[in-house]
Amino acid sequence: MANQEITFGDNEFIVSKTDLNGKITYGNSLFIQMSGYNEEELLGQPHNIIRHHDMPAVVFKLLWSELKKGKEIFAYVNNKAKNGDYYWVFAHVTPSYDTNRKITNYHSVRRKPSQKALNVIKPLYASLLQKEKIGGINASESALNQILKDKGLTYDKFILSI
């Protein structure tokens, strides 16, 4: 049955790699299993093949902005499986470098998020998504920046605090 939440174990990790354009170059067996696609269907595809429609675009704007600057980023992400099921992850995404410190690809390790964190993230993302539907990505970015300012936290400190 589609549109059901699926989960994975607390001690399991979903791993994938993409090229500089976000196309999948590697996925571990758990990544493949959770996505519902087979490896041939995933390799070479844009990573957003598993993007859930309930994810605010501002999260990915922030993610790509940080990665292109050579910084790591942590984010909570709702992914969509091929059959429409979905699963939440706590992602740690990092650039990978060659010996000349040039970014060669991106590497993401995802673990199961805590329920405590999801209790904060789900309403936040719903609010940001609503702002995007009305005023576009700039509206959700402004809303997120205001929330962070009100909390007196950077994005990183906020995400790691929940």
N, C-alpha and C. Protein backbone atom coordinates (compact mmCIF):
# COMPACT_ATOMS: atom_id res chain seq x y z
N MET A 1 0.85 -1.18 0.00
CA MET A 1 0.00 0.00 0.00
C MET A 1 0.89 1.25 0.00
N ALA A 2 0.66 2.14 -0.93
CA ALA A 2 1.49 3.34 -1.07
C ALA A 2 1.11 4.40 -0.05
N ASN A 3 2.00 5.36 0.11
CA ASN A 3 1.86 6.49 1.02
C ASN A 3 1.85 6.07 2.49
N GLN A 4 2.58 5.02 2.78
CA GLN A 4 2.75 4.56 4.14
C GLN A 4 4.17 4.90 4.58
N GLU A 5 4.33 5.24 5.87
CA GLU A 5 5.68 5.50 6.36
C GLU A 5 6.40 4.17 6.56
N ILE A 6 7.62 4.12 6.06
CA ILE A 6 8.47 2.95 6.27
C ILE A 6 9.69 3.42 7.07
N THR A 7 10.27 2.51 7.82
CA THR A 7 11.41 2.89 8.67
C THR A 7 12.53 1.88 8.51
N PHE A 8 13.63 2.22 9.11
CA PHE A 8 14.79 1.33 9.14
C PHE A 8 15.35 1.38 10.54
N GLY A 9 16.30 0.50 10.82
CA GLY A 9 16.80 0.33 12.18
C GLY A 9 17.65 1.48 12.70
N ASP A 10 17.65 1.63 14.01
CA ASP A 10 18.43 2.68 14.67
C ASP A 10 19.93 2.56 14.40
N ASN A 11 20.40 1.36 14.15
CA ASN A 11 21.83 1.15 13.92
C ASN A 11 22.17 0.93 12.46
N GLU A 12 21.24 1.26 11.57
CA GLU A 12 21.48 1.12 10.14
C GLU A 12 21.76 2.48 9.53
N PHE A 13 22.51 2.49 8.44
CA PHE A 13 22.86 3.72 7.75
C PHE A 13 22.54 3.60 6.27
N ILE A 14 21.90 4.62 5.75
CA ILE A 14 21.66 4.72 4.31
C ILE A 14 22.80 5.56 3.75
N VAL A 15 23.46 5.05 2.73
CA VAL A 15 24.60 5.76 2.15
C VAL A 15 24.39 5.90 0.65
N SER A 16 24.69 7.09 0.16
CA SER A 16 24.70 7.30 -1.29
C SER A 16 25.76 8.32 -1.64
N LYS A 17 26.15 8.29 -2.91
CA LYS A 17 27.09 9.28 -3.45
C LYS A 17 26.49 9.82 -4.73
N THR A 18 26.80 11.10 -4.99
CA THR A 18 26.37 11.71 -6.25
C THR A 18 27.56 12.41 -6.88
N ASP A 19 27.41 12.66 -8.18
CA ASP A 19 28.40 13.48 -8.86
C ASP A 19 28.12 14.95 -8.53
N LEU A 20 28.85 15.84 -9.13
CA LEU A 20 28.71 17.26 -8.82
C LEU A 20 27.37 17.83 -9.24
N ASN A 21 26.66 17.13 -10.11
CA ASN A 21 25.34 17.57 -10.56
C ASN A 21 24.20 16.89 -9.82
N GLY A 22 24.53 16.12 -8.79
CA GLY A 22 23.49 15.47 -8.00
C GLY A 22 22.98 14.16 -8.57
N LYS A 23 23.69 13.60 -9.55
CA LYS A 23 23.28 12.31 -10.11
C LYS A 23 23.90 11.18 -9.29
N ILE A 24 23.09 10.18 -8.98
CA ILE A 24 23.51 9.08 -8.12
C ILE A 24 24.59 8.24 -8.80
N THR A 25 25.70 8.06 -8.08
CA THR A 25 26.79 7.21 -8.56
C THR A 25 26.97 5.97 -7.70
N TYR A 26 26.37 5.97 -6.51
CA TYR A 26 26.49 4.83 -5.59
C TYR A 26 25.35 4.88 -4.59
N GLY A 27 24.86 3.71 -4.25
CA GLY A 27 23.89 3.58 -3.16
C GLY A 27 24.12 2.25 -2.48
N ASN A 28 24.18 2.26 -1.15
CA ASN A 28 24.36 0.98 -0.46
C ASN A 28 23.06 0.18 -0.53
N SER A 29 23.10 -1.05 -0.06
CA SER A 29 21.93 -1.92 -0.19
C SER A 29 20.72 -1.37 0.54
N LEU A 30 20.91 -0.68 1.67
CA LEU A 30 19.77 -0.11 2.40
C LEU A 30 19.16 1.06 1.61
N PHE A 31 20.00 1.87 0.98
CA PHE A 31 19.50 2.95 0.14
C PHE A 31 18.61 2.38 -0.97
N ILE A 32 19.09 1.36 -1.63
CA ILE A 32 18.34 0.73 -2.71
C ILE A 32 17.05 0.13 -2.19
N GLN A 33 17.14 -0.59 -1.08
CA GLN A 33 15.96 -1.23 -0.48
C GLN A 33 14.90 -0.19 -0.10
N MET A 34 15.30 0.87 0.60
CA MET A 34 14.35 1.87 1.07
C MET A 34 13.73 2.64 -0.09
N SER A 35 14.50 2.86 -1.14
CA SER A 35 13.99 3.63 -2.27
C SER A 35 12.93 2.86 -3.07
N GLY A 36 13.02 1.53 -3.03
CA GLY A 36 12.09 0.73 -3.81
C GLY A 36 12.49 0.57 -5.27
N TYR A 37 13.57 1.22 -5.65
CA TYR A 37 14.10 1.07 -7.01
C TYR A 37 15.17 0.00 -7.00
N ASN A 38 15.51 -0.53 -8.17
CA ASN A 38 16.69 -1.39 -8.21
C ASN A 38 17.88 -0.52 -8.57
N GLU A 39 19.07 -1.07 -8.39
CA GLU A 39 20.29 -0.30 -8.57
C GLU A 39 20.38 0.31 -9.98
N GLU A 40 19.99 -0.44 -10.99
CA GLU A 40 20.05 0.06 -12.36
C GLU A 40 19.13 1.26 -12.56
N GLU A 41 17.99 1.26 -11.88
CA GLU A 41 17.06 2.39 -11.99
C GLU A 41 17.58 3.64 -11.29
N LEU A 42 18.43 3.47 -10.30
CA LEU A 42 18.93 4.60 -9.51
C LEU A 42 20.20 5.23 -10.07
N LEU A 43 21.16 4.39 -10.48
CA LEU A 43 22.44 4.93 -10.92
C LEU A 43 22.27 5.84 -12.14
N GLY A 44 22.87 7.02 -12.03
CA GLY A 44 22.78 8.00 -13.11
C GLY A 44 21.57 8.91 -13.02
N GLN A 45 20.65 8.61 -12.12
CA GLN A 45 19.46 9.44 -11.95
C GLN A 45 19.73 10.58 -10.99
N PRO A 46 19.02 11.70 -11.14
CA PRO A 46 19.15 12.78 -10.15
C PRO A 46 18.71 12.27 -8.77
N HIS A 47 19.43 12.66 -7.73
CA HIS A 47 19.08 12.21 -6.38
C HIS A 47 17.66 12.60 -6.01
N ASN A 48 17.15 13.66 -6.64
CA ASN A 48 15.79 14.08 -6.29
C ASN A 48 14.72 13.13 -6.82
N ILE A 49 15.13 12.01 -7.42
CA ILE A 49 14.18 10.96 -7.79
C ILE A 49 13.44 10.46 -6.55
N ILE A 50 14.09 10.60 -5.38
CA ILE A 50 13.45 10.16 -4.12
C ILE A 50 12.95 11.35 -3.29
N ARG A 51 12.88 12.53 -3.89
CA ARG A 51 12.41 13.70 -3.15
C ARG A 51 10.90 13.61 -2.93
N HIS A 52 10.50 13.75 -1.70
CA HIS A 52 9.08 13.74 -1.36
C HIS A 52 8.50 15.12 -1.60
N HIS A 53 7.27 15.16 -2.10
CA HIS A 53 6.63 16.44 -2.41
C HIS A 53 6.33 17.30 -1.18
N ASP A 54 6.42 16.73 0.00
CA ASP A 54 6.20 17.52 1.23
C ASP A 54 7.48 18.18 1.75
N MET A 55 8.57 18.05 1.00
CA MET A 55 9.82 18.69 1.42
C MET A 55 9.88 20.12 0.89
N PRO A 56 10.13 21.09 1.78
CA PRO A 56 10.28 22.46 1.29
C PRO A 56 11.56 22.61 0.47
N ALA A 57 11.45 23.29 -0.65
CA ALA A 57 12.60 23.49 -1.54
C ALA A 57 13.72 24.25 -0.86
N VAL A 58 13.38 25.10 0.11
CA VAL A 58 14.40 25.90 0.78
C VAL A 58 15.45 25.02 1.47
N VAL A 59 15.06 23.85 1.92
CA VAL A 59 16.01 22.94 2.58
C VAL A 59 17.08 22.50 1.57
N PHE A 60 16.65 22.20 0.33
CA PHE A 60 17.61 21.78 -0.69
C PHE A 60 18.43 22.95 -1.20
N LYS A 61 17.83 24.14 -1.24
CA LYS A 61 18.59 25.33 -1.62
C LYS A 61 19.75 25.54 -0.64
N LEU A 62 19.44 25.43 0.65
CA LEU A 62 20.45 25.57 1.69
C LEU A 62 21.50 24.46 1.58
N LEU A 63 21.04 23.24 1.39
CA LEU A 63 21.94 22.10 1.29
C LEU A 63 22.93 22.30 0.14
N TRP A 64 22.45 22.61 -1.04
CA TRP A 64 23.34 22.77 -2.19
C TRP A 64 24.24 23.98 -2.03
N SER A 65 23.75 25.03 -1.43
CA SER A 65 24.57 26.22 -1.21
C SER A 65 25.77 25.89 -0.32
N GLU A 66 25.52 25.17 0.76
CA GLU A 66 26.60 24.81 1.68
C GLU A 66 27.59 23.84 1.02
N LEU A 67 27.07 22.85 0.31
CA LEU A 67 27.95 21.87 -0.33
C LEU A 67 28.86 22.52 -1.36
N LYS A 68 28.31 23.42 -2.15
CA LYS A 68 29.11 24.07 -3.19
C LYS A 68 30.19 24.97 -2.60
N LYS A 69 30.00 25.38 -1.33
CA LYS A 69 31.03 26.15 -0.63
C LYS A 69 32.06 25.22 0.02
N GLY A 70 31.85 23.92 -0.13
CA GLY A 70 32.78 22.95 0.46
C GLY A 70 32.48 22.63 1.91
N LYS A 71 31.26 22.94 2.35
CA LYS A 71 30.89 22.70 3.75
C LYS A 71 29.98 21.48 3.87
N GLU A 72 30.06 20.82 5.00
CA GLU A 72 29.14 19.74 5.30
C GLU A 72 27.83 20.34 5.78
N ILE A 73 26.77 19.55 5.72
CA ILE A 73 25.48 20.00 6.21
C ILE A 73 24.70 18.82 6.77
N PHE A 74 23.95 19.09 7.81
CA PHE A 74 23.03 18.13 8.40
C PHE A 74 21.62 18.60 8.08
N ALA A 75 20.74 17.68 7.76
CA ALA A 75 19.35 18.06 7.46
C ALA A 75 18.42 16.88 7.70
N TYR A 76 17.21 17.21 8.07
CA TYR A 76 16.15 16.20 8.15
C TYR A 76 15.45 16.21 6.80
N VAL A 77 15.28 15.01 6.24
CA VAL A 77 14.71 14.91 4.90
C VAL A 77 13.66 13.81 4.87
N ASN A 78 12.56 14.11 4.21
CA ASN A 78 11.52 13.13 3.95
C ASN A 78 11.72 12.64 2.52
N ASN A 79 12.02 11.36 2.37
CA ASN A 79 12.24 10.76 1.06
C ASN A 79 11.03 9.95 0.63
N LYS A 80 10.88 9.80 -0.68
CA LYS A 80 9.76 9.04 -1.24
C LYS A 80 10.29 7.81 -1.97
N ALA A 81 9.70 6.68 -1.65
CA ALA A 81 10.04 5.43 -2.34
C ALA A 81 9.30 5.37 -3.68
N LYS A 82 9.73 4.48 -4.52
CA LYS A 82 9.15 4.33 -5.85
C LYS A 82 7.64 4.11 -5.81
N ASN A 83 7.16 3.35 -4.82
CA ASN A 83 5.74 3.04 -4.74
C ASN A 83 4.92 4.12 -4.03
N GLY A 84 5.56 5.22 -3.64
CA GLY A 84 4.84 6.31 -2.96
C GLY A 84 4.97 6.28 -1.45
N ASP A 85 5.52 5.21 -0.88
CA ASP A 85 5.79 5.21 0.56
C ASP A 85 6.85 6.26 0.86
N TYR A 86 7.02 6.59 2.13
CA TYR A 86 7.99 7.63 2.48
C TYR A 86 8.76 7.23 3.73
N TYR A 87 9.92 7.86 3.89
CA TYR A 87 10.74 7.59 5.06
C TYR A 87 11.56 8.82 5.39
N TRP A 88 11.63 9.11 6.69
CA TRP A 88 12.39 10.25 7.20
C TRP A 88 13.82 9.82 7.48
N VAL A 89 14.75 10.73 7.22
CA VAL A 89 16.15 10.48 7.52
C VAL A 89 16.78 11.73 8.14
N PHE A 90 17.82 11.50 8.92
CA PHE A 90 18.69 12.58 9.39
C PHE A 90 19.96 12.44 8.57
N ALA A 91 20.16 13.37 7.65
CA ALA A 91 21.24 13.26 6.67
C ALA A 91 22.46 14.09 7.06
N HIS A 92 23.61 13.52 6.83
CA HIS A 92 24.89 14.23 6.95
C HIS A 92 25.51 14.16 5.57
N VAL A 93 25.56 15.30 4.89
CA VAL A 93 26.03 15.35 3.52
C VAL A 93 27.35 16.12 3.49
N THR A 94 28.33 15.54 2.81
CA THR A 94 29.66 16.14 2.76
C THR A 94 30.21 16.12 1.34
N PRO A 95 31.01 17.12 1.01
CA PRO A 95 31.73 17.04 -0.26
C PRO A 95 32.92 16.11 -0.10
N SER A 96 33.30 15.45 -1.18
CA SER A 96 34.52 14.64 -1.22
C SER A 96 35.51 15.37 -2.12
N TYR A 97 36.80 15.25 -1.80
CA TYR A 97 37.83 16.01 -2.49
C TYR A 97 38.87 15.10 -3.12
N ASP A 98 39.52 15.62 -4.18
CA ASP A 98 40.68 14.93 -4.72
C ASP A 98 41.93 15.43 -3.99
N THR A 99 43.09 15.00 -4.42
CA THR A 99 44.33 15.37 -3.72
C THR A 99 44.66 16.86 -3.83
N ASN A 100 44.03 17.55 -4.78
CA ASN A 100 44.24 19.00 -4.93
C ASN A 100 43.16 19.82 -4.21
N ARG A 101 42.39 19.15 -3.36
CA ARG A 101 41.29 19.80 -2.60
C ARG A 101 40.18 20.33 -3.51
N LYS A 102 40.03 19.70 -4.66
CA LYS A 102 38.93 20.04 -5.56
C LYS A 102 37.77 19.08 -5.25
N ILE A 103 36.55 19.63 -5.15
CA ILE A 103 35.39 18.77 -4.87
C ILE A 103 35.15 17.86 -6.07
N THR A 104 35.05 16.56 -5.78
CA THR A 104 34.84 15.58 -6.85
C THR A 104 33.44 14.97 -6.84
N ASN A 105 32.82 14.89 -5.66
CA ASN A 105 31.47 14.35 -5.55
C ASN A 105 30.92 14.65 -4.16
N TYR A 106 29.71 14.17 -3.91
CA TYR A 106 29.07 14.37 -2.61
C TYR A 106 28.70 13.02 -2.02
N HIS A 107 28.80 12.94 -0.72
CA HIS A 107 28.61 11.70 0.02
C HIS A 107 27.58 11.96 1.12
N SER A 108 26.57 11.12 1.19
CA SER A 108 25.52 11.31 2.20
C SER A 108 25.33 10.05 3.02
N VAL A 109 25.36 10.23 4.33
CA VAL A 109 25.09 9.15 5.27
C VAL A 109 23.85 9.56 6.06
N ARG A 110 22.85 8.69 6.03
CA ARG A 110 21.60 9.00 6.71
C ARG A 110 21.29 7.96 7.77
N ARG A 111 20.80 8.49 8.89
CA ARG A 111 20.37 7.59 9.97
C ARG A 111 18.92 7.89 10.28
N LYS A 112 18.34 7.04 11.09
CA LYS A 112 16.95 7.20 11.50
C LYS A 112 16.86 8.39 12.45
N PRO A 113 15.97 9.34 12.18
CA PRO A 113 15.84 10.50 13.07
C PRO A 113 15.05 10.13 14.33
N SER A 114 15.27 10.90 15.37
CA SER A 114 14.53 10.67 16.61
C SER A 114 13.11 11.21 16.46
N GLN A 115 12.20 10.64 17.20
CA GLN A 115 10.82 11.13 17.18
C GLN A 115 10.75 12.55 17.72
N LYS A 116 11.60 12.86 18.70
CA LYS A 116 11.67 14.21 19.27
C LYS A 116 12.00 15.23 18.18
N ALA A 117 12.97 14.90 17.34
CA ALA A 117 13.36 15.80 16.26
C ALA A 117 12.22 15.93 15.24
N LEU A 118 11.60 14.83 14.89
CA LEU A 118 10.51 14.89 13.91
C LEU A 118 9.33 15.70 14.43
N ASN A 119 9.12 15.68 15.74
CA ASN A 119 8.04 16.48 16.32
C ASN A 119 8.28 17.97 16.12
N VAL A 120 9.53 18.36 15.95
CA VAL A 120 9.88 19.77 15.67
C VAL A 120 9.90 20.01 14.16
N ILE A 121 10.49 19.09 13.42
CA ILE A 121 10.71 19.27 11.98
C ILE A 121 9.42 19.21 11.17
N LYS A 122 8.54 18.26 11.46
CA LYS A 122 7.33 18.10 10.64
C LYS A 122 6.49 19.37 10.59
N PRO A 123 6.16 20.00 11.74
CA PRO A 123 5.38 21.24 11.64
C PRO A 123 6.17 22.39 11.02
N LEU A 124 7.48 22.43 11.26
CA LEU A 124 8.31 23.47 10.65
C LEU A 124 8.28 23.33 9.14
N TYR A 125 8.49 22.13 8.62
CA TYR A 125 8.50 21.92 7.18
C TYR A 125 7.12 22.19 6.58
N ALA A 126 6.05 21.81 7.29
CA ALA A 126 4.70 22.10 6.79
C ALA A 126 4.50 23.60 6.65
N SER A 127 4.97 24.35 7.63
CA SER A 127 4.86 25.81 7.59
C SER A 127 5.69 26.39 6.45
N LEU A 128 6.91 25.93 6.28
CA LEU A 128 7.77 26.42 5.20
C LEU A 128 7.18 26.08 3.84
N LEU A 129 6.64 24.89 3.72
CA LEU A 129 6.03 24.47 2.46
C LEU A 129 4.82 25.35 2.13
N GLN A 130 4.04 25.67 3.13
CA GLN A 130 2.89 26.55 2.92
C GLN A 130 3.34 27.93 2.45
N LYS A 131 4.41 28.44 3.05
CA LYS A 131 4.96 29.74 2.64
C LYS A 131 5.44 29.66 1.18
N GLU A 132 6.06 28.55 0.81
CA GLU A 132 6.54 28.38 -0.57
C GLU A 132 5.39 28.36 -1.56
N LYS A 133 4.30 27.70 -1.18
CA LYS A 133 3.15 27.61 -2.08
C LYS A 133 2.55 28.99 -2.34
N ILE A 134 2.63 29.86 -1.35
CA ILE A 134 2.05 31.20 -1.47
C ILE A 134 3.05 32.18 -2.07
N GLY A 135 4.27 32.19 -1.56
CA GLY A 135 5.23 33.22 -1.96
C GLY A 135 6.53 32.73 -2.56
N GLY A 136 6.61 31.45 -2.87
CA GLY A 136 7.83 30.93 -3.47
C GLY A 136 8.92 30.65 -2.46
N ILE A 137 10.06 30.23 -2.99
CA ILE A 137 11.18 29.83 -2.14
C ILE A 137 11.70 30.99 -1.29
N ASN A 138 11.64 32.21 -1.81
CA ASN A 138 12.11 33.36 -1.04
C ASN A 138 11.29 33.56 0.23
N ALA A 139 9.99 33.28 0.14
CA ALA A 139 9.12 33.43 1.32
C ALA A 139 9.48 32.40 2.39
N SER A 140 9.75 31.16 1.98
CA SER A 140 10.10 30.15 2.97
C SER A 140 11.50 30.40 3.53
N GLU A 141 12.39 30.91 2.69
CA GLU A 141 13.73 31.23 3.17
C GLU A 141 13.68 32.36 4.21
N SER A 142 12.88 33.37 3.95
CA SER A 142 12.70 34.46 4.92
C SER A 142 12.11 33.95 6.22
N ALA A 143 11.12 33.07 6.11
CA ALA A 143 10.49 32.51 7.31
C ALA A 143 11.50 31.69 8.11
N LEU A 144 12.28 30.86 7.44
CA LEU A 144 13.29 30.04 8.13
C LEU A 144 14.33 30.94 8.80
N ASN A 145 14.80 31.95 8.08
CA ASN A 145 15.78 32.87 8.65
C ASN A 145 15.23 33.60 9.87
N GLN A 146 13.96 33.95 9.84
CA GLN A 146 13.34 34.63 10.98
C GLN A 146 13.23 33.69 12.19
N ILE A 147 12.87 32.46 11.94
CA ILE A 147 12.79 31.47 13.02
C ILE A 147 14.16 31.30 13.67
N LEU A 148 15.20 31.16 12.85
CA LEU A 148 16.56 31.00 13.39
C LEU A 148 16.99 32.24 14.16
N LYS A 149 16.66 33.41 13.63
CA LYS A 149 17.00 34.67 14.30
C LYS A 149 16.30 34.74 15.66
N ASP A 150 15.01 34.38 15.69
CA ASP A 150 14.24 34.41 16.94
C ASP A 150 14.82 33.45 17.97
N LYS A 151 15.36 32.33 17.51
CA LYS A 151 15.95 31.35 18.42
C LYS A 151 17.39 31.71 18.77
N GLY A 152 17.96 32.65 18.03
CA GLY A 152 19.35 33.03 18.26
C GLY A 152 20.32 31.92 17.88
N LEU A 153 19.95 31.15 16.85
CA LEU A 153 20.76 30.00 16.45
C LEU A 153 21.06 30.04 14.95
N THR A 154 22.21 29.52 14.58
CA THR A 154 22.49 29.28 13.18
C THR A 154 21.70 28.05 12.76
N TYR A 155 21.59 27.82 11.47
CA TYR A 155 20.90 26.62 10.98
C TYR A 155 21.54 25.37 11.58
N ASP A 156 22.87 25.28 11.51
CA ASP A 156 23.58 24.10 12.02
C ASP A 156 23.28 23.86 13.49
N LYS A 157 23.37 24.91 14.28
CA LYS A 157 23.14 24.75 15.73
C LYS A 157 21.70 24.34 16.02
N PHE A 158 20.77 24.90 15.25
CA PHE A 158 19.35 24.53 15.41
C PHE A 158 19.16 23.06 15.11
N ILE A 159 19.63 22.62 13.95
CA ILE A 159 19.43 21.21 13.53
C ILE A 159 20.06 20.25 14.52
N LEU A 160 21.26 20.57 14.99
CA LEU A 160 21.94 19.67 15.93
C LEU A 160 21.37 19.75 17.34
N SER A 161 20.54 20.76 17.62
CA SER A 161 19.97 20.91 18.96
C SER A 161 18.68 20.12 19.16
N ILE A 162 18.10 19.66 18.07
CA ILE A 162 16.80 18.97 18.22
C ILE A 162 16.93 17.47 18.16
